[in-house]
Amino acid sequence: MNEDTNTQHNGRSGPLADRIALVAGATRGAGRALAVELGRAGATVYVTGRTTRENASEVGRTTETIEETAELVSAAGGTGVAVPTDHLDEDRVRALVERIDREQGRLDILVNDLWGGEHLLVGSVFGKKSWETPLADGLRILELGVRSHVITAALALPLLVRSAAPLHVEVTDGTAVSNRRYRENLYYDLAKNAPIRIAFGLGEELAEYGGTAVAVTPGFLRSEQMLAHFGVSEENWRDAIAQEPGFAIAESPHYLARAVAALAADPDRVRWNGKSTSSAELARTYGVRDIDGSRPDAWAYFEDVTYGGKDDSPDDYR
């Protein structure tokens, strides 16, 4: 594969102009931003999810769709292709992979950003012991956060390893270091630690193919759902700090996405193989900044201030 950062492909230019990517779970949040930033770097990006202009997923939001994500990818300079897919349905995932194979012949970048379980957390999970958590809700969290990732990896990796430099990205919440702390509920803890182990294990398996598997996490993410939760928009997000002081360290979804796009374009990306990392660490490595020009490090803030008791300002971590 051409690693030249000035490549052109089908009239597109950019460091990823010759790459074919799949962002699984690209309806909104980090997944949408990841798809857009890979497109901005020139990639052809297949975007999947359960919410379309005709149907909504169990998340219940209709304001973001995979069709819109694909349009944003193309507007950014890439080629966006929307494919409605429930990644818990093996037949649908198999059909998705077969379509990419038929249309492209290979896959270079696989981003597993599957989740969609926020509606199960407040009231049902956080603040409750595992035996107090409704079993159906706990098992659904594991389906959405673990089983979907495993299905997608198992069915897409045979196509991914055709690439000259396959890249598999697992998106989760927390790093191997931060997640040594219990994540408040057993089901959520399992769901957010599993992608870290998936990346570690796949790193071992992809090594002989010159591949890279890495787990990445944003910090305090200003996703569409989080902004709606606080009743603010991206334009006035700081108004939410009065409700949640820790929100002062929040980052846009494009912060992580810009960093991952830089990693994907790095000829030496194999140095990340098997590791877990954060938006902040990647941003420092690649010189990336958030859309407001800042470089927030939420995980350092949590460790030092939230858990460590330091009297530091969130601004010290931006």
Protein backbone atom coordinates (compact mmCIF):
# COMPACT_ATOMS: atom_id res chain seq x y z
CA MET A 1 0.00 0.00 0.00
CA ASN A 2 1.16 3.50 -0.81
CA GLU A 3 2.16 5.26 2.41
CA ASP A 4 2.88 8.57 0.64
CA THR A 5 1.05 11.30 2.54
CA ASN A 6 0.37 13.18 -0.72
CA THR A 7 -1.39 10.36 -2.55
CA GLN A 8 -4.41 10.88 -4.78
CA HIS A 9 -7.15 8.36 -5.46
CA ASN A 10 -10.27 8.78 -7.59
CA GLY A 11 -9.77 12.54 -7.61
CA ARG A 12 -9.33 12.76 -3.84
CA SER A 13 -6.18 13.83 -2.10
CA GLY A 14 -4.91 13.38 1.42
CA PRO A 15 -2.87 10.98 3.51
CA LEU A 16 -5.61 8.34 3.38
CA ALA A 17 -6.74 8.87 -0.22
CA ASP A 18 -6.09 5.24 -1.15
CA ARG A 19 -7.61 3.68 1.98
CA ILE A 20 -10.88 1.84 2.45
CA ALA A 21 -12.35 2.16 5.94
CA LEU A 22 -15.32 0.76 7.81
CA VAL A 23 -16.58 2.67 10.84
CA ALA A 24 -18.99 0.35 12.61
CA GLY A 25 -21.31 2.46 14.73
CA ALA A 26 -21.04 5.80 12.94
CA THR A 27 -24.47 7.27 13.56
CA ARG A 28 -23.36 9.90 16.05
CA GLY A 29 -20.74 10.82 18.63
CA ALA A 30 -17.19 9.56 18.26
CA GLY A 31 -18.18 7.17 15.48
CA ARG A 32 -19.57 9.93 13.29
CA ALA A 33 -16.55 12.16 13.90
CA LEU A 34 -14.15 9.28 13.18
CA ALA A 35 -15.86 8.64 9.86
CA VAL A 36 -15.76 12.32 8.95
CA GLU A 37 -12.10 12.80 9.84
CA LEU A 38 -11.05 9.67 7.96
CA GLY A 39 -13.00 11.10 5.02
CA ARG A 40 -11.33 14.47 5.45
CA ALA A 41 -8.02 12.63 5.06
CA GLY A 42 -9.33 11.24 1.77
CA ALA A 43 -10.56 7.75 2.67
CA THR A 44 -13.55 5.90 1.31
CA VAL A 45 -15.59 5.25 4.45
CA TYR A 46 -18.40 2.74 4.87
CA VAL A 47 -20.53 3.94 7.78
CA THR A 48 -22.93 1.67 9.60
CA GLY A 49 -25.49 1.87 12.34
CA ARG A 50 -29.09 1.13 13.15
CA THR A 51 -30.64 4.58 12.83
CA THR A 52 -31.60 5.61 9.31
CA ARG A 53 -33.97 8.20 7.92
CA GLU A 54 -36.66 5.52 7.95
CA ASN A 55 -35.93 3.65 11.18
CA ALA A 56 -34.64 4.49 14.66
CA SER A 57 -32.70 2.18 16.94
CA GLU A 58 -33.50 1.46 20.59
CA VAL A 59 -31.45 4.55 21.48
CA GLY A 60 -34.52 6.51 20.44
CA ARG A 61 -32.77 9.44 18.73
CA THR A 62 -33.89 10.34 15.23
CA THR A 63 -31.83 13.53 14.83
CA GLU A 64 -28.72 11.69 13.62
CA THR A 65 -28.67 9.04 10.87
CA ILE A 66 -26.04 7.05 9.03
CA GLU A 67 -27.10 8.67 5.75
CA GLU A 68 -26.27 12.07 7.23
CA THR A 69 -22.92 10.75 8.43
CA ALA A 70 -22.08 9.49 4.94
CA GLU A 71 -22.98 12.89 3.48
CA LEU A 72 -20.71 14.59 6.01
CA VAL A 73 -17.87 12.24 5.03
CA SER A 74 -18.27 13.15 1.37
CA ALA A 75 -18.58 16.86 2.16
CA ALA A 76 -15.30 16.65 4.08
CA GLY A 77 -13.48 15.33 1.02
CA GLY A 78 -13.83 11.56 1.26
CA THR A 79 -16.42 9.14 -0.07
CA GLY A 80 -19.12 8.16 2.39
CA VAL A 81 -21.19 5.02 1.93
CA ALA A 82 -24.06 4.38 4.34
CA VAL A 83 -24.99 0.74 4.99
CA PRO A 84 -27.73 0.11 7.58
CA THR A 85 -26.39 -2.67 9.80
CA ASP A 86 -27.26 -4.21 13.13
CA HIS A 87 -23.91 -5.60 14.19
CA LEU A 88 -25.57 -8.19 16.42
CA ASP A 89 -27.07 -9.75 13.28
CA GLU A 90 -24.39 -12.01 11.82
CA ASP A 91 -26.09 -12.22 8.43
CA ARG A 92 -26.24 -8.43 8.12
CA VAL A 93 -22.58 -8.06 9.07
CA ARG A 94 -21.59 -10.82 6.66
CA ALA A 95 -23.52 -9.07 3.88
CA LEU A 96 -21.78 -5.79 4.73
CA VAL A 97 -18.34 -7.36 4.48
CA GLU A 98 -19.25 -9.10 1.23
CA ARG A 99 -20.39 -5.76 -0.20
CA ILE A 100 -17.10 -4.06 0.71
CA ASP A 101 -15.21 -7.00 -0.82
CA ARG A 102 -17.29 -6.83 -3.99
CA GLU A 103 -16.96 -3.07 -4.37
CA GLN A 104 -13.39 -2.53 -3.11
CA GLY A 105 -11.62 -5.88 -2.92
CA ARG A 106 -10.07 -5.12 0.45
CA LEU A 107 -10.46 -3.25 3.73
CA ASP A 108 -7.62 -1.21 5.22
CA ILE A 109 -9.12 0.30 8.38
CA LEU A 110 -11.73 -1.21 10.68
CA VAL A 111 -13.06 1.00 13.47
CA ASN A 112 -15.25 -0.79 16.03
CA ASP A 113 -17.21 2.00 17.72
CA LEU A 114 -20.29 -0.07 18.50
CA TRP A 115 -22.25 0.80 21.63
CA GLY A 116 -25.67 2.43 21.89
CA GLY A 117 -26.28 1.46 25.51
CA GLU A 118 -26.44 4.86 27.22
CA HIS A 119 -30.18 4.53 27.78
CA LEU A 120 -29.49 1.50 30.01
CA LEU A 121 -27.07 3.24 32.35
CA VAL A 122 -28.82 5.94 34.36
CA GLY A 123 -31.16 4.44 36.92
CA SER A 124 -30.69 0.87 35.74
CA VAL A 125 -26.94 0.36 36.14
CA PHE A 126 -24.93 3.12 37.77
CA GLY A 127 -25.21 3.16 41.51
CA LYS A 128 -26.41 -0.44 41.68
CA LYS A 129 -24.70 -3.67 42.61
CA SER A 130 -24.55 -6.25 39.85
CA TRP A 131 -27.24 -8.36 41.52
CA GLU A 132 -29.47 -5.32 41.81
CA THR A 133 -29.11 -4.54 38.11
CA PRO A 134 -31.93 -5.96 35.97
CA LEU A 135 -30.36 -9.00 34.37
CA ALA A 136 -31.88 -8.24 30.98
CA ASP A 137 -30.31 -4.77 31.03
CA GLY A 138 -26.92 -6.13 32.07
CA LEU A 139 -26.89 -8.75 29.35
CA ARG A 140 -27.98 -6.18 26.77
CA ILE A 141 -25.02 -4.02 27.76
CA LEU A 142 -22.73 -6.97 27.09
CA GLU A 143 -24.40 -7.61 23.75
CA LEU A 144 -24.05 -4.00 22.65
CA GLY A 145 -20.57 -3.43 24.02
CA VAL A 146 -18.87 -6.81 23.59
CA ARG A 147 -20.74 -9.28 21.40
CA SER A 148 -21.23 -6.75 18.59
CA HIS A 149 -17.49 -6.03 18.57
CA VAL A 150 -16.58 -9.71 18.44
CA ILE A 151 -19.02 -10.47 15.62
CA THR A 152 -17.77 -7.55 13.55
CA ALA A 153 -14.11 -8.38 14.07
CA ALA A 154 -14.60 -12.08 13.35
CA LEU A 155 -16.38 -11.44 10.06
CA ALA A 156 -14.39 -8.42 8.83
CA LEU A 157 -10.84 -9.47 9.71
CA PRO A 158 -10.46 -11.95 6.81
CA LEU A 159 -10.99 -8.98 4.49
CA LEU A 160 -8.88 -6.61 6.59
CA VAL A 161 -5.80 -8.81 6.46
CA ARG A 162 -5.72 -8.44 2.67
CA SER A 163 -4.50 -4.90 3.28
CA ALA A 164 -0.78 -4.25 3.13
CA ALA A 165 -1.03 -2.59 6.56
CA PRO A 166 -4.29 -3.52 8.30
CA LEU A 167 -5.46 -1.24 11.10
CA HIS A 168 -8.07 -2.32 13.65
CA VAL A 169 -9.31 0.33 16.11
CA GLU A 170 -11.42 -0.55 19.15
CA VAL A 171 -13.22 2.45 20.65
CA THR A 172 -14.07 2.20 24.33
CA ASP A 173 -14.33 4.22 27.55
CA GLY A 174 -11.06 4.30 29.47
CA THR A 175 -7.55 2.95 29.03
CA ALA A 176 -5.93 -0.12 30.54
CA VAL A 177 -4.48 2.20 33.19
CA SER A 178 -7.60 4.20 34.05
CA ASN A 179 -9.78 1.11 34.02
CA ARG A 180 -7.85 -0.43 36.87
CA ARG A 181 -10.47 1.53 38.80
CA TYR A 182 -13.87 -0.15 38.96
CA ARG A 183 -16.28 1.37 36.45
CA GLU A 184 -19.22 1.58 38.90
CA ASN A 185 -21.10 -1.49 37.69
CA LEU A 186 -19.97 -4.99 36.73
CA TYR A 187 -21.72 -5.07 33.34
CA TYR A 188 -20.43 -1.67 32.30
CA ASP A 189 -16.94 -2.52 33.58
CA LEU A 190 -16.90 -5.68 31.47
CA ALA A 191 -18.25 -3.90 28.39
CA LYS A 192 -15.61 -1.19 28.49
CA ASN A 193 -12.65 -3.39 29.38
CA ALA A 194 -13.40 -6.03 26.74
CA PRO A 195 -12.41 -3.82 23.77
CA ILE A 196 -9.03 -3.22 25.42
CA ARG A 197 -8.43 -6.95 25.58
CA ILE A 198 -9.77 -7.40 22.04
CA ALA A 199 -7.17 -4.94 20.77
CA PHE A 200 -4.47 -6.67 22.80
CA GLY A 201 -5.37 -10.10 21.47
CA LEU A 202 -5.84 -8.99 17.88
CA GLY A 203 -2.51 -7.22 18.10
CA GLU A 204 -0.92 -10.61 18.61
CA GLU A 205 -2.84 -12.10 15.70
CA LEU A 206 -2.32 -9.22 13.25
CA ALA A 207 1.42 -8.89 13.89
CA GLU A 208 2.37 -11.44 11.23
CA TYR A 209 0.37 -9.42 8.68
CA GLY A 210 2.14 -6.17 9.55
CA GLY A 211 -1.07 -5.03 11.15
CA THR A 212 -1.96 -2.85 14.10
CA ALA A 213 -4.77 -3.27 16.63
CA VAL A 214 -5.25 -0.51 19.17
CA ALA A 215 -7.89 0.48 21.70
CA VAL A 216 -8.67 4.19 21.93
CA THR A 217 -10.80 6.27 24.26
CA PRO A 218 -12.05 9.83 24.30
CA GLY A 219 -12.16 11.76 27.55
CA PHE A 220 -15.36 13.48 28.71
CA LEU A 221 -17.09 13.43 25.33
CA ARG A 222 -19.37 16.21 24.14
CA SER A 223 -21.48 13.84 22.09
CA GLU A 224 -24.89 14.83 20.80
CA GLN A 225 -26.50 12.73 23.52
CA MET A 226 -24.38 14.29 26.26
CA LEU A 227 -25.12 17.81 25.07
CA ALA A 228 -28.83 16.98 24.98
CA HIS A 229 -28.60 15.51 28.48
CA PHE A 230 -27.38 18.85 29.79
CA GLY A 231 -29.72 20.86 27.57
CA VAL A 232 -26.91 22.67 25.74
CA SER A 233 -25.42 22.75 22.25
CA GLU A 234 -21.85 22.72 20.97
CA GLU A 235 -22.01 26.50 20.77
CA ASN A 236 -22.88 27.03 24.45
CA TRP A 237 -21.62 23.79 25.98
CA ARG A 238 -19.83 25.62 28.79
CA ASP A 239 -23.23 26.53 30.28
CA ALA A 240 -23.44 22.90 31.44
CA ILE A 241 -20.47 23.36 33.78
CA ALA A 242 -22.85 24.82 36.37
CA GLN A 243 -24.61 21.43 36.47
CA GLU A 244 -21.47 19.31 36.19
CA PRO A 245 -18.16 21.04 37.05
CA GLY A 246 -16.16 18.21 35.47
CA PHE A 247 -17.70 19.07 32.11
CA ALA A 248 -15.17 21.90 31.94
CA ILE A 249 -12.68 19.32 30.70
CA ALA A 250 -15.02 18.03 27.97
CA GLU A 251 -13.80 17.48 24.43
CA SER A 252 -15.53 17.36 21.07
CA PRO A 253 -15.81 14.04 19.21
CA HIS A 254 -13.45 15.43 16.57
CA TYR A 255 -10.55 15.50 19.03
CA LEU A 256 -10.28 11.72 19.18
CA ALA A 257 -11.18 11.44 15.50
CA ARG A 258 -8.42 13.77 14.36
CA ALA A 259 -5.95 11.82 16.45
CA VAL A 260 -7.05 8.46 15.05
CA ALA A 261 -6.87 9.80 11.48
CA ALA A 262 -3.30 10.89 12.21
CA LEU A 263 -2.50 7.44 13.59
CA ALA A 264 -3.99 5.81 10.50
CA ALA A 265 -1.71 7.92 8.30
CA ASP A 266 1.40 7.15 10.38
CA PRO A 267 3.78 4.78 8.53
CA ASP A 268 5.06 3.72 11.95
CA ARG A 269 1.57 3.03 13.39
CA VAL A 270 2.64 -0.47 14.42
CA ARG A 271 4.22 1.09 17.52
CA TRP A 272 0.66 1.24 18.92
CA ASN A 273 -0.02 -2.43 18.30
CA GLY A 274 -1.80 -4.15 21.18
CA LYS A 275 -1.91 -0.98 23.26
CA SER A 276 -4.68 1.15 24.69
CA THR A 277 -4.42 4.90 24.46
CA SER A 278 -6.45 8.09 24.81
CA SER A 279 -7.34 11.06 22.68
CA ALA A 280 -4.96 13.16 24.78
CA GLU A 281 -1.97 10.84 24.36
CA LEU A 282 -2.54 10.55 20.62
CA ALA A 283 -2.99 14.32 20.36
CA ARG A 284 0.34 14.95 22.06
CA THR A 285 2.06 12.42 19.81
CA TYR A 286 0.66 13.76 16.55
CA GLY A 287 0.31 17.45 17.38
CA VAL A 288 -3.47 17.36 17.15
CA ARG A 289 -5.79 19.87 18.80
CA ASP A 290 -9.51 19.98 19.43
CA ILE A 291 -11.82 22.18 17.35
CA ASP A 292 -11.38 25.06 19.82
CA GLY A 293 -7.58 24.84 19.64
CA SER A 294 -7.21 23.21 23.06
CA ARG A 295 -5.63 19.87 23.94
CA PRO A 296 -7.68 18.52 26.86
CA ASP A 297 -6.51 15.57 28.94
CA ALA A 298 -9.59 14.43 30.82
CA TRP A 299 -8.04 11.22 32.14
CA ALA A 300 -5.16 13.10 33.77
CA TYR A 301 -7.68 15.50 35.28
CA PHE A 302 -9.77 12.64 36.68
CA GLU A 303 -6.69 10.96 38.15
CA ASP A 304 -5.20 14.12 39.69
CA VAL A 305 -8.30 16.06 40.72
CA THR A 306 -11.33 13.76 40.88
CA TYR A 307 -9.50 10.87 42.54
CA GLY A 308 -6.27 12.49 43.71
CA GLY A 309 -7.76 15.49 45.44
CA LYS A 310 -5.56 18.10 43.78
CA ASP A 311 -6.93 21.63 43.75
CA ASP A 312 -6.28 22.18 40.06
CA SER A 313 -8.46 23.92 37.51
CA PRO A 314 -9.72 22.06 34.46
CA ASP A 315 -8.02 24.79 32.44
CA ASP A 316 -4.70 23.38 33.66
CA TYR A 317 -5.53 20.22 31.69
CA ARG A 318 -6.55 21.89 28.45
